[in-house]
Amino acid sequence: MPRILKYVDQIAREKGRDVLFAAFDKEIYPDYDYEKWTNRTQLIDWLENNKIGYIECFNVAVENYMESYRGEIYIDVCYDENDPTYIKVQNYLENSDGSPRISGVLFYLLPLEIAMKNKHYDEPNFLAKWSL
C-alpha cells in the first residue's frame, strides 16, 4: 500500500535540530525489498526493545532526483555525545573508529544547517509545482 513518508531533512527542519538516521548500503542491499533485510529488521527490533523512537523516512531530498524508498530510518535521539541514549545508539551502530558495526547499516548525522538548504520544499505545493 502506498504511504507518504517525510524526507529526513524535513524532519530536521520540523524538529529545529540536527537529526540522526540509518541508511542501507546499496552494494550490500541492491534491491528494494527492505522489509526482508535482516540487519534492518534487527535494528528496528533493537530500537523498539530500547524504547527509542524511529520513523521510516526518505534520505535527504534532492530536487533533480527521485528514488524509491530504500528503508531509511530516522532515529529520534538528539545528537549529544554526552547523552546516554545517543551513546547507546552510537555504540550499537558504530565501532570506536566510526566505521559501521553492522554490515550494510550506515549511521548518519544530518546537521540542521544542511537541512535548511531545502527549506523551499516546505512551501505550499512545492512538489506539485516541481513535478510539472
N, C-alpha and C. Protein backbone atom coordinates (compact mmCIF):
# COMPACT_ATOMS: atom_id res chain seq x y z
N MET A 1 0.84 -1.17 0.00
CA MET A 1 0.00 0.00 0.00
C MET A 1 0.89 1.24 0.00
N PRO A 2 0.60 2.22 -0.83
CA PRO A 2 1.39 3.46 -0.85
C PRO A 2 1.31 4.19 0.49
N ARG A 3 2.42 4.82 0.84
CA ARG A 3 2.48 5.60 2.07
C ARG A 3 3.14 6.93 1.77
N ILE A 4 2.86 7.90 2.58
CA ILE A 4 3.53 9.19 2.47
C ILE A 4 4.58 9.25 3.56
N LEU A 5 5.83 9.38 3.15
CA LEU A 5 6.95 9.46 4.09
C LEU A 5 7.58 10.84 3.99
N LYS A 6 8.17 11.28 5.08
CA LYS A 6 8.90 12.55 5.09
C LYS A 6 10.34 12.30 4.69
N TYR A 7 10.97 13.35 4.16
CA TYR A 7 12.41 13.33 3.94
C TYR A 7 13.08 13.62 5.28
N VAL A 8 14.26 13.06 5.50
CA VAL A 8 14.95 13.27 6.77
C VAL A 8 15.28 14.74 6.99
N ASP A 9 15.55 15.49 5.92
CA ASP A 9 15.83 16.91 6.10
C ASP A 9 14.57 17.68 6.52
N GLN A 10 13.41 17.23 6.08
CA GLN A 10 12.15 17.82 6.52
C GLN A 10 11.97 17.58 8.03
N ILE A 11 12.29 16.39 8.48
CA ILE A 11 12.20 16.08 9.91
C ILE A 11 13.12 17.00 10.70
N ALA A 12 14.34 17.22 10.21
CA ALA A 12 15.29 18.11 10.90
C ALA A 12 14.73 19.52 11.01
N ARG A 13 14.13 20.01 9.92
CA ARG A 13 13.57 21.37 9.96
C ARG A 13 12.40 21.44 10.94
N GLU A 14 11.56 20.41 10.96
CA GLU A 14 10.43 20.39 11.89
C GLU A 14 10.90 20.34 13.34
N LYS A 15 11.95 19.57 13.61
CA LYS A 15 12.48 19.45 14.97
C LYS A 15 13.34 20.65 15.35
N GLY A 16 13.86 21.35 14.34
CA GLY A 16 14.72 22.50 14.60
C GLY A 16 16.07 22.11 15.16
N ARG A 17 16.58 20.95 14.74
CA ARG A 17 17.87 20.46 15.26
C ARG A 17 18.49 19.46 14.29
N ASP A 18 19.76 19.14 14.57
CA ASP A 18 20.43 18.07 13.85
C ASP A 18 19.68 16.77 14.11
N VAL A 19 19.69 15.87 13.13
CA VAL A 19 19.00 14.59 13.31
C VAL A 19 19.90 13.42 12.91
N LEU A 20 19.54 12.26 13.43
CA LEU A 20 20.26 11.02 13.17
C LEU A 20 19.39 10.10 12.32
N PHE A 21 20.03 9.37 11.42
CA PHE A 21 19.27 8.38 10.66
C PHE A 21 20.18 7.25 10.20
N ALA A 22 19.54 6.14 9.89
CA ALA A 22 20.25 4.98 9.36
C ALA A 22 19.82 4.78 7.92
N ALA A 23 20.80 4.48 7.08
CA ALA A 23 20.54 4.15 5.68
C ALA A 23 21.24 2.82 5.41
N PHE A 24 21.03 2.28 4.23
CA PHE A 24 21.50 0.93 3.95
C PHE A 24 22.30 0.92 2.66
N ASP A 25 23.50 0.36 2.73
CA ASP A 25 24.46 0.34 1.63
C ASP A 25 23.88 -0.36 0.41
N LYS A 26 23.83 0.35 -0.71
CA LYS A 26 23.24 -0.19 -1.94
C LYS A 26 24.04 -1.37 -2.50
N GLU A 27 25.33 -1.44 -2.18
CA GLU A 27 26.13 -2.57 -2.67
C GLU A 27 25.78 -3.85 -1.93
N ILE A 28 25.40 -3.74 -0.68
CA ILE A 28 25.03 -4.91 0.10
C ILE A 28 23.54 -5.22 -0.06
N TYR A 29 22.75 -4.16 -0.20
CA TYR A 29 21.29 -4.30 -0.36
C TYR A 29 20.88 -3.67 -1.70
N PRO A 30 21.14 -4.35 -2.82
CA PRO A 30 20.86 -3.75 -4.13
C PRO A 30 19.38 -3.68 -4.49
N ASP A 31 18.56 -4.48 -3.85
CA ASP A 31 17.13 -4.48 -4.20
C ASP A 31 16.36 -3.53 -3.28
N TYR A 32 15.08 -3.44 -3.49
CA TYR A 32 14.24 -2.53 -2.70
C TYR A 32 13.36 -3.29 -1.71
N ASP A 33 13.66 -4.54 -1.46
CA ASP A 33 12.83 -5.37 -0.58
C ASP A 33 13.30 -5.21 0.87
N TYR A 34 13.30 -3.97 1.35
CA TYR A 34 13.88 -3.62 2.64
C TYR A 34 13.24 -4.34 3.82
N GLU A 35 12.00 -4.75 3.71
CA GLU A 35 11.34 -5.43 4.83
C GLU A 35 11.95 -6.81 5.11
N LYS A 36 12.71 -7.34 4.15
CA LYS A 36 13.34 -8.65 4.32
C LYS A 36 14.82 -8.55 4.69
N TRP A 37 15.35 -7.34 4.81
CA TRP A 37 16.75 -7.18 5.16
C TRP A 37 16.92 -7.46 6.64
N THR A 38 17.61 -8.52 6.97
CA THR A 38 17.76 -8.96 8.36
C THR A 38 18.36 -7.87 9.25
N ASN A 39 19.41 -7.21 8.78
CA ASN A 39 20.06 -6.20 9.62
C ASN A 39 19.14 -5.01 9.89
N ARG A 40 18.29 -4.67 8.94
CA ARG A 40 17.33 -3.58 9.15
C ARG A 40 16.28 -4.01 10.17
N THR A 41 15.78 -5.22 10.02
CA THR A 41 14.78 -5.75 10.96
C THR A 41 15.36 -5.81 12.37
N GLN A 42 16.60 -6.24 12.49
CA GLN A 42 17.25 -6.32 13.80
C GLN A 42 17.43 -4.93 14.40
N LEU A 43 17.76 -3.94 13.57
CA LEU A 43 17.89 -2.56 14.06
C LEU A 43 16.55 -2.07 14.61
N ILE A 44 15.49 -2.28 13.87
CA ILE A 44 14.16 -1.86 14.32
C ILE A 44 13.79 -2.57 15.63
N ASP A 45 14.04 -3.86 15.70
CA ASP A 45 13.76 -4.60 16.94
C ASP A 45 14.56 -4.02 18.10
N TRP A 46 15.84 -3.70 17.87
CA TRP A 46 16.69 -3.14 18.91
C TRP A 46 16.16 -1.78 19.36
N LEU A 47 15.79 -0.92 18.41
CA LEU A 47 15.23 0.38 18.77
C LEU A 47 13.97 0.21 19.61
N GLU A 48 13.09 -0.67 19.20
CA GLU A 48 11.85 -0.90 19.94
C GLU A 48 12.12 -1.47 21.33
N ASN A 49 13.03 -2.44 21.42
CA ASN A 49 13.36 -3.04 22.72
C ASN A 49 13.99 -2.03 23.67
N ASN A 50 14.67 -1.03 23.12
CA ASN A 50 15.31 0.01 23.93
C ASN A 50 14.45 1.26 24.05
N LYS A 51 13.21 1.16 23.58
CA LYS A 51 12.23 2.26 23.66
C LYS A 51 12.76 3.56 23.06
N ILE A 52 13.40 3.40 21.89
CA ILE A 52 13.92 4.54 21.13
C ILE A 52 13.03 4.74 19.92
N GLY A 53 12.49 5.94 19.80
CA GLY A 53 11.58 6.23 18.69
C GLY A 53 12.29 6.25 17.35
N TYR A 54 11.54 5.93 16.33
CA TYR A 54 12.07 5.97 14.96
C TYR A 54 10.91 6.16 14.00
N ILE A 55 11.23 6.64 12.81
CA ILE A 55 10.24 6.84 11.76
C ILE A 55 10.90 6.44 10.44
N GLU A 56 10.21 5.69 9.62
CA GLU A 56 10.71 5.45 8.27
C GLU A 56 10.68 6.78 7.53
N CYS A 57 11.73 7.06 6.78
CA CYS A 57 11.83 8.34 6.08
C CYS A 57 12.65 8.16 4.80
N PHE A 58 12.54 9.14 3.92
CA PHE A 58 13.42 9.18 2.76
C PHE A 58 14.74 9.80 3.17
N ASN A 59 15.78 9.55 2.39
CA ASN A 59 17.06 10.21 2.57
C ASN A 59 16.87 11.70 2.30
N VAL A 60 17.92 12.47 2.29
CA VAL A 60 17.85 13.91 2.03
C VAL A 60 17.25 14.15 0.66
N ALA A 61 16.33 15.11 0.58
CA ALA A 61 15.67 15.44 -0.69
C ALA A 61 16.69 16.06 -1.65
N VAL A 62 16.59 15.65 -2.90
CA VAL A 62 17.42 16.20 -3.98
C VAL A 62 16.47 16.62 -5.08
N GLU A 63 16.50 17.88 -5.42
CA GLU A 63 15.48 18.45 -6.31
C GLU A 63 15.43 17.82 -7.70
N ASN A 64 16.56 17.41 -8.23
CA ASN A 64 16.55 16.89 -9.60
C ASN A 64 16.68 15.36 -9.66
N TYR A 65 16.35 14.71 -8.54
CA TYR A 65 16.50 13.26 -8.48
C TYR A 65 15.48 12.70 -7.50
N MET A 66 14.80 11.63 -7.90
CA MET A 66 13.84 11.00 -7.02
C MET A 66 14.08 9.49 -7.05
N GLU A 67 14.05 8.88 -5.89
CA GLU A 67 14.29 7.44 -5.79
C GLU A 67 13.22 6.82 -4.90
N SER A 68 12.95 5.56 -5.15
CA SER A 68 12.01 4.83 -4.29
C SER A 68 12.59 4.71 -2.89
N TYR A 69 11.73 4.47 -1.93
CA TYR A 69 12.15 4.30 -0.54
C TYR A 69 13.10 3.12 -0.43
N ARG A 70 14.23 3.34 0.27
CA ARG A 70 15.25 2.31 0.43
C ARG A 70 15.46 1.92 1.88
N GLY A 71 14.42 2.03 2.70
CA GLY A 71 14.49 1.52 4.06
C GLY A 71 15.07 2.44 5.11
N GLU A 72 15.37 3.71 4.75
CA GLU A 72 15.98 4.63 5.71
C GLU A 72 15.11 4.81 6.95
N ILE A 73 15.78 5.04 8.08
CA ILE A 73 15.08 5.19 9.36
C ILE A 73 15.62 6.40 10.10
N TYR A 74 14.75 7.36 10.39
CA TYR A 74 15.09 8.47 11.29
C TYR A 74 15.08 7.91 12.71
N ILE A 75 16.12 8.23 13.47
CA ILE A 75 16.23 7.77 14.86
C ILE A 75 16.01 8.97 15.76
N ASP A 76 14.97 8.92 16.57
CA ASP A 76 14.53 10.07 17.36
C ASP A 76 15.33 10.21 18.66
N VAL A 77 16.61 10.54 18.48
CA VAL A 77 17.52 10.79 19.58
C VAL A 77 18.31 12.05 19.23
N CYS A 78 18.45 12.96 20.18
CA CYS A 78 19.24 14.17 19.93
C CYS A 78 20.72 13.81 19.83
N TYR A 79 21.39 14.51 18.92
CA TYR A 79 22.83 14.33 18.80
C TYR A 79 23.50 15.09 19.95
N ASP A 80 23.98 14.33 20.91
CA ASP A 80 24.66 14.89 22.08
C ASP A 80 25.61 13.81 22.57
N GLU A 81 26.90 14.02 22.37
CA GLU A 81 27.89 13.00 22.69
C GLU A 81 27.94 12.65 24.17
N ASN A 82 27.24 13.42 25.02
CA ASN A 82 27.20 13.12 26.45
C ASN A 82 25.89 12.46 26.87
N ASP A 83 24.95 12.35 25.94
CA ASP A 83 23.64 11.79 26.25
C ASP A 83 23.72 10.26 26.26
N PRO A 84 23.28 9.61 27.34
CA PRO A 84 23.38 8.15 27.41
C PRO A 84 22.63 7.42 26.29
N THR A 85 21.50 7.96 25.86
CA THR A 85 20.75 7.29 24.78
C THR A 85 21.49 7.41 23.46
N TYR A 86 22.04 8.60 23.19
CA TYR A 86 22.84 8.77 21.97
C TYR A 86 24.03 7.81 22.00
N ILE A 87 24.72 7.74 23.13
CA ILE A 87 25.88 6.86 23.25
C ILE A 87 25.48 5.40 23.01
N LYS A 88 24.34 5.01 23.52
CA LYS A 88 23.85 3.64 23.33
C LYS A 88 23.62 3.36 21.84
N VAL A 89 22.97 4.30 21.14
CA VAL A 89 22.71 4.13 19.70
C VAL A 89 24.02 4.10 18.93
N GLN A 90 24.90 5.05 19.23
CA GLN A 90 26.19 5.11 18.54
C GLN A 90 26.97 3.82 18.74
N ASN A 91 27.02 3.32 19.97
CA ASN A 91 27.76 2.08 20.24
C ASN A 91 27.14 0.87 19.57
N TYR A 92 25.83 0.89 19.37
CA TYR A 92 25.17 -0.21 18.67
C TYR A 92 25.48 -0.18 17.17
N LEU A 93 25.56 1.03 16.61
CA LEU A 93 25.69 1.15 15.15
C LEU A 93 27.12 1.36 14.65
N GLU A 94 28.02 1.84 15.52
CA GLU A 94 29.37 2.16 15.06
C GLU A 94 30.44 1.52 15.93
N ASN A 95 31.56 1.21 15.29
CA ASN A 95 32.76 0.83 16.02
C ASN A 95 33.40 2.10 16.58
N SER A 96 34.39 1.95 17.44
CA SER A 96 35.02 3.12 18.06
C SER A 96 35.70 4.04 17.04
N ASP A 97 36.07 3.50 15.87
CA ASP A 97 36.69 4.32 14.83
C ASP A 97 35.67 4.97 13.90
N GLY A 98 34.38 4.79 14.18
CA GLY A 98 33.32 5.39 13.37
C GLY A 98 32.85 4.53 12.21
N SER A 99 33.48 3.40 12.00
CA SER A 99 33.05 2.51 10.92
C SER A 99 31.78 1.77 11.34
N PRO A 100 30.99 1.30 10.36
CA PRO A 100 29.76 0.60 10.70
C PRO A 100 30.02 -0.69 11.48
N ARG A 101 29.30 -0.88 12.56
CA ARG A 101 29.41 -2.11 13.35
C ARG A 101 28.61 -3.23 12.69
N ILE A 102 27.52 -2.86 12.00
CA ILE A 102 26.64 -3.84 11.36
C ILE A 102 26.80 -3.71 9.85
N SER A 103 27.13 -4.78 9.20
CA SER A 103 27.36 -4.77 7.76
C SER A 103 26.18 -4.15 7.00
N GLY A 104 26.49 -3.14 6.21
CA GLY A 104 25.47 -2.52 5.36
C GLY A 104 24.61 -1.47 6.01
N VAL A 105 24.76 -1.26 7.33
CA VAL A 105 23.96 -0.26 8.03
C VAL A 105 24.82 0.98 8.25
N LEU A 106 24.41 2.08 7.64
CA LEU A 106 25.17 3.33 7.69
C LEU A 106 24.47 4.30 8.63
N PHE A 107 25.21 4.87 9.58
CA PHE A 107 24.67 5.76 10.61
C PHE A 107 25.09 7.18 10.27
N TYR A 108 24.11 8.07 10.12
CA TYR A 108 24.38 9.44 9.69
C TYR A 108 23.86 10.48 10.67
N LEU A 109 24.57 11.59 10.71
CA LEU A 109 24.13 12.81 11.37
C LEU A 109 23.85 13.82 10.27
N LEU A 110 22.64 14.36 10.24
CA LEU A 110 22.30 15.42 9.29
C LEU A 110 22.20 16.73 10.06
N PRO A 111 23.17 17.64 9.88
CA PRO A 111 23.10 18.92 10.58
C PRO A 111 21.92 19.76 10.08
N LEU A 112 21.31 20.48 10.98
CA LEU A 112 20.19 21.35 10.63
C LEU A 112 20.61 22.35 9.55
N GLU A 113 21.83 22.84 9.62
CA GLU A 113 22.31 23.81 8.63
C GLU A 113 22.19 23.26 7.21
N ILE A 114 22.49 22.00 7.02
CA ILE A 114 22.36 21.38 5.69
C ILE A 114 20.89 21.18 5.36
N ALA A 115 20.11 20.73 6.33
CA ALA A 115 18.67 20.52 6.10
C ALA A 115 17.98 21.81 5.69
N MET A 116 18.44 22.94 6.20
CA MET A 116 17.81 24.23 5.89
C MET A 116 18.01 24.63 4.43
N LYS A 117 18.98 24.05 3.76
CA LYS A 117 19.19 24.35 2.34
C LYS A 117 18.01 23.89 1.49
N ASN A 118 17.18 23.00 2.04
CA ASN A 118 16.00 22.51 1.33
C ASN A 118 14.71 23.10 1.89
N LYS A 119 14.78 24.21 2.60
CA LYS A 119 13.57 24.75 3.23
C LYS A 119 12.51 25.14 2.20
N HIS A 120 12.91 25.39 0.96
CA HIS A 120 11.92 25.71 -0.08
C HIS A 120 10.98 24.53 -0.34
N TYR A 121 11.38 23.32 0.04
CA TYR A 121 10.49 22.16 -0.09
C TYR A 121 9.26 22.30 0.78
N ASP A 122 9.36 23.10 1.83
CA ASP A 122 8.25 23.26 2.78
C ASP A 122 7.19 24.24 2.30
N GLU A 123 7.46 24.94 1.22
CA GLU A 123 6.47 25.89 0.68
C GLU A 123 5.25 25.12 0.18
N PRO A 124 4.06 25.70 0.36
CA PRO A 124 2.85 25.01 -0.11
C PRO A 124 2.94 24.63 -1.59
N ASN A 125 2.59 23.42 -1.89
CA ASN A 125 2.53 22.90 -3.26
C ASN A 125 3.88 22.86 -3.98
N PHE A 126 4.99 22.90 -3.24
CA PHE A 126 6.29 22.88 -3.90
C PHE A 126 6.45 21.66 -4.81
N LEU A 127 6.18 20.48 -4.28
CA LEU A 127 6.38 19.27 -5.09
C LEU A 127 5.41 19.21 -6.26
N ALA A 128 4.21 19.71 -6.08
CA ALA A 128 3.24 19.72 -7.19
C ALA A 128 3.75 20.64 -8.30
N LYS A 129 4.30 21.79 -7.95
CA LYS A 129 4.85 22.72 -8.95
C LYS A 129 6.09 22.12 -9.60
N TRP A 130 6.93 21.48 -8.80
CA TRP A 130 8.17 20.91 -9.29
C TRP A 130 7.91 19.79 -10.29
N SER A 131 6.87 19.01 -10.09
CA SER A 131 6.61 17.86 -10.95
C SER A 131 6.01 18.22 -12.29
N LEU A 132 5.64 19.48 -12.47
CA LEU A 132 5.04 19.90 -13.75
C LEU A 132 6.05 20.01 -14.85
